[in-house]
Amino acid sequence: MDFLQKYNKSDLFMLLLSILYIVKINYPEKSPLDVLAALIMVVWVLISFFKSITPK
């Protein structure tokens, strides 16, 4: 069972957008690309973590 298939792709996209928006409000000095890179890293780590704990 793939972790991402439990969620609608548009829901994930909206979640990412809302996180970006929140970060933009709280840390206006950060550039969007820095935030995006950090988000991609977090998502990648989460996905690999879920893949490692779910039985093959």
N, C-alpha and C. Protein backbone atom coordinates (compact mmCIF):
# COMPACT_ATOMS: atom_id res chain seq x y z
N MET A 1 0.85 -1.20 0.00
CA MET A 1 0.00 0.00 0.00
C MET A 1 0.88 1.24 0.00
N ASP A 2 0.71 2.05 -1.00
CA ASP A 2 1.51 3.27 -1.09
C ASP A 2 0.87 4.36 -0.25
N PHE A 3 1.69 5.03 0.53
CA PHE A 3 1.22 6.06 1.46
C PHE A 3 0.46 7.17 0.74
N LEU A 4 0.97 7.57 -0.42
CA LEU A 4 0.37 8.70 -1.12
C LEU A 4 -1.00 8.39 -1.70
N GLN A 5 -1.30 7.09 -1.89
CA GLN A 5 -2.58 6.76 -2.49
C GLN A 5 -3.74 6.90 -1.51
N LYS A 6 -3.44 7.03 -0.22
CA LYS A 6 -4.51 7.28 0.75
C LYS A 6 -5.06 8.69 0.60
N TYR A 7 -4.28 9.57 0.02
CA TYR A 7 -4.66 10.97 -0.06
C TYR A 7 -4.84 11.40 -1.50
N ASN A 8 -5.79 12.29 -1.68
CA ASN A 8 -5.99 12.89 -2.99
C ASN A 8 -4.80 13.80 -3.30
N LYS A 9 -4.35 13.78 -4.54
CA LYS A 9 -3.20 14.62 -4.91
C LYS A 9 -3.51 16.10 -4.70
N SER A 10 -4.74 16.52 -4.97
CA SER A 10 -5.08 17.93 -4.81
C SER A 10 -5.08 18.32 -3.33
N ASP A 11 -5.46 17.38 -2.45
CA ASP A 11 -5.40 17.66 -1.02
C ASP A 11 -3.96 17.90 -0.59
N LEU A 12 -3.04 17.07 -1.07
CA LEU A 12 -1.63 17.25 -0.75
C LEU A 12 -1.13 18.60 -1.26
N PHE A 13 -1.55 18.95 -2.46
CA PHE A 13 -1.13 20.21 -3.05
C PHE A 13 -1.65 21.39 -2.24
N MET A 14 -2.91 21.32 -1.82
CA MET A 14 -3.49 22.38 -1.00
C MET A 14 -2.77 22.47 0.35
N LEU A 15 -2.43 21.33 0.90
CA LEU A 15 -1.70 21.31 2.17
C LEU A 15 -0.35 22.00 2.01
N LEU A 16 0.37 21.68 0.94
CA LEU A 16 1.66 22.32 0.69
C LEU A 16 1.50 23.83 0.52
N LEU A 17 0.46 24.22 -0.22
CA LEU A 17 0.23 25.66 -0.43
C LEU A 17 -0.07 26.37 0.88
N SER A 18 -0.88 25.73 1.73
CA SER A 18 -1.22 26.38 2.99
C SER A 18 0.00 26.48 3.90
N ILE A 19 0.86 25.44 3.88
CA ILE A 19 2.10 25.51 4.68
C ILE A 19 2.98 26.65 4.16
N LEU A 20 3.11 26.73 2.84
CA LEU A 20 3.89 27.82 2.25
C LEU A 20 3.35 29.18 2.68
N TYR A 21 2.03 29.31 2.66
CA TYR A 21 1.39 30.57 3.01
C TYR A 21 1.65 30.94 4.47
N ILE A 22 1.51 29.95 5.36
CA ILE A 22 1.76 30.17 6.79
C ILE A 22 3.22 30.58 7.03
N VAL A 23 4.13 29.87 6.39
CA VAL A 23 5.55 30.18 6.55
C VAL A 23 5.85 31.58 6.02
N LYS A 24 5.23 31.93 4.90
CA LYS A 24 5.45 33.25 4.29
C LYS A 24 5.01 34.36 5.25
N ILE A 25 3.91 34.13 5.96
CA ILE A 25 3.44 35.15 6.91
C ILE A 25 4.37 35.25 8.12
N ASN A 26 4.79 34.09 8.62
CA ASN A 26 5.60 34.09 9.84
C ASN A 26 7.05 34.46 9.60
N TYR A 27 7.57 34.12 8.42
CA TYR A 27 8.99 34.40 8.13
C TYR A 27 9.10 35.12 6.80
N PRO A 28 8.74 36.40 6.76
CA PRO A 28 8.74 37.11 5.46
C PRO A 28 10.13 37.28 4.86
N GLU A 29 11.17 37.14 5.69
CA GLU A 29 12.52 37.34 5.13
C GLU A 29 13.02 36.11 4.37
N LYS A 30 12.36 34.99 4.55
CA LYS A 30 12.76 33.78 3.82
C LYS A 30 12.25 33.86 2.39
N SER A 31 13.08 33.40 1.47
CA SER A 31 12.63 33.40 0.08
C SER A 31 11.77 32.16 -0.18
N PRO A 32 10.78 32.26 -1.08
CA PRO A 32 9.90 31.11 -1.35
C PRO A 32 10.66 29.87 -1.81
N LEU A 33 11.77 30.07 -2.53
CA LEU A 33 12.55 28.91 -3.00
C LEU A 33 13.19 28.17 -1.84
N ASP A 34 13.69 28.91 -0.84
CA ASP A 34 14.24 28.26 0.34
C ASP A 34 13.17 27.43 1.04
N VAL A 35 12.00 28.03 1.19
CA VAL A 35 10.88 27.34 1.85
C VAL A 35 10.49 26.11 1.06
N LEU A 36 10.42 26.25 -0.26
CA LEU A 36 10.03 25.14 -1.11
C LEU A 36 11.04 24.00 -1.02
N ALA A 37 12.33 24.35 -1.02
CA ALA A 37 13.36 23.32 -0.89
C ALA A 37 13.24 22.58 0.44
N ALA A 38 13.00 23.33 1.50
CA ALA A 38 12.84 22.71 2.82
C ALA A 38 11.60 21.81 2.84
N LEU A 39 10.52 22.27 2.24
CA LEU A 39 9.30 21.46 2.19
C LEU A 39 9.51 20.17 1.42
N ILE A 40 10.21 20.27 0.29
CA ILE A 40 10.47 19.07 -0.51
C ILE A 40 11.29 18.07 0.30
N MET A 41 12.29 18.57 1.02
CA MET A 41 13.08 17.68 1.88
C MET A 41 12.21 17.00 2.92
N VAL A 42 11.36 17.78 3.59
CA VAL A 42 10.49 17.22 4.63
C VAL A 42 9.57 16.16 4.05
N VAL A 43 8.94 16.48 2.92
CA VAL A 43 8.02 15.53 2.29
C VAL A 43 8.76 14.26 1.88
N TRP A 44 9.96 14.42 1.31
CA TRP A 44 10.75 13.27 0.88
C TRP A 44 11.10 12.37 2.07
N VAL A 45 11.52 12.99 3.17
CA VAL A 45 11.85 12.22 4.38
C VAL A 45 10.61 11.50 4.91
N LEU A 46 9.49 12.20 4.94
CA LEU A 46 8.25 11.57 5.42
C LEU A 46 7.85 10.39 4.55
N ILE A 47 7.93 10.56 3.24
CA ILE A 47 7.54 9.48 2.33
C ILE A 47 8.47 8.28 2.51
N SER A 48 9.77 8.51 2.61
CA SER A 48 10.67 7.37 2.80
C SER A 48 10.45 6.73 4.16
N PHE A 49 10.12 7.54 5.18
CA PHE A 49 9.83 7.00 6.50
C PHE A 49 8.59 6.09 6.44
N PHE A 50 7.52 6.58 5.81
CA PHE A 50 6.30 5.77 5.72
C PHE A 50 6.53 4.51 4.89
N LYS A 51 7.35 4.61 3.84
CA LYS A 51 7.64 3.43 3.04
C LYS A 51 8.42 2.41 3.85
N SER A 52 9.27 2.90 4.77
CA SER A 52 10.07 1.96 5.56
C SER A 52 9.24 1.27 6.64
N ILE A 53 8.19 1.94 7.16
CA ILE A 53 7.40 1.30 8.22
C ILE A 53 6.23 0.49 7.69
N THR A 54 5.82 0.74 6.43
CA THR A 54 4.72 -0.06 5.89
C THR A 54 5.26 -1.38 5.37
N PRO A 55 4.54 -2.48 5.65
CA PRO A 55 5.02 -3.78 5.17
C PRO A 55 4.99 -3.84 3.65
N LYS A 56 5.97 -4.51 3.10
CA LYS A 56 6.08 -4.61 1.64
C LYS A 56 4.98 -5.51 1.08
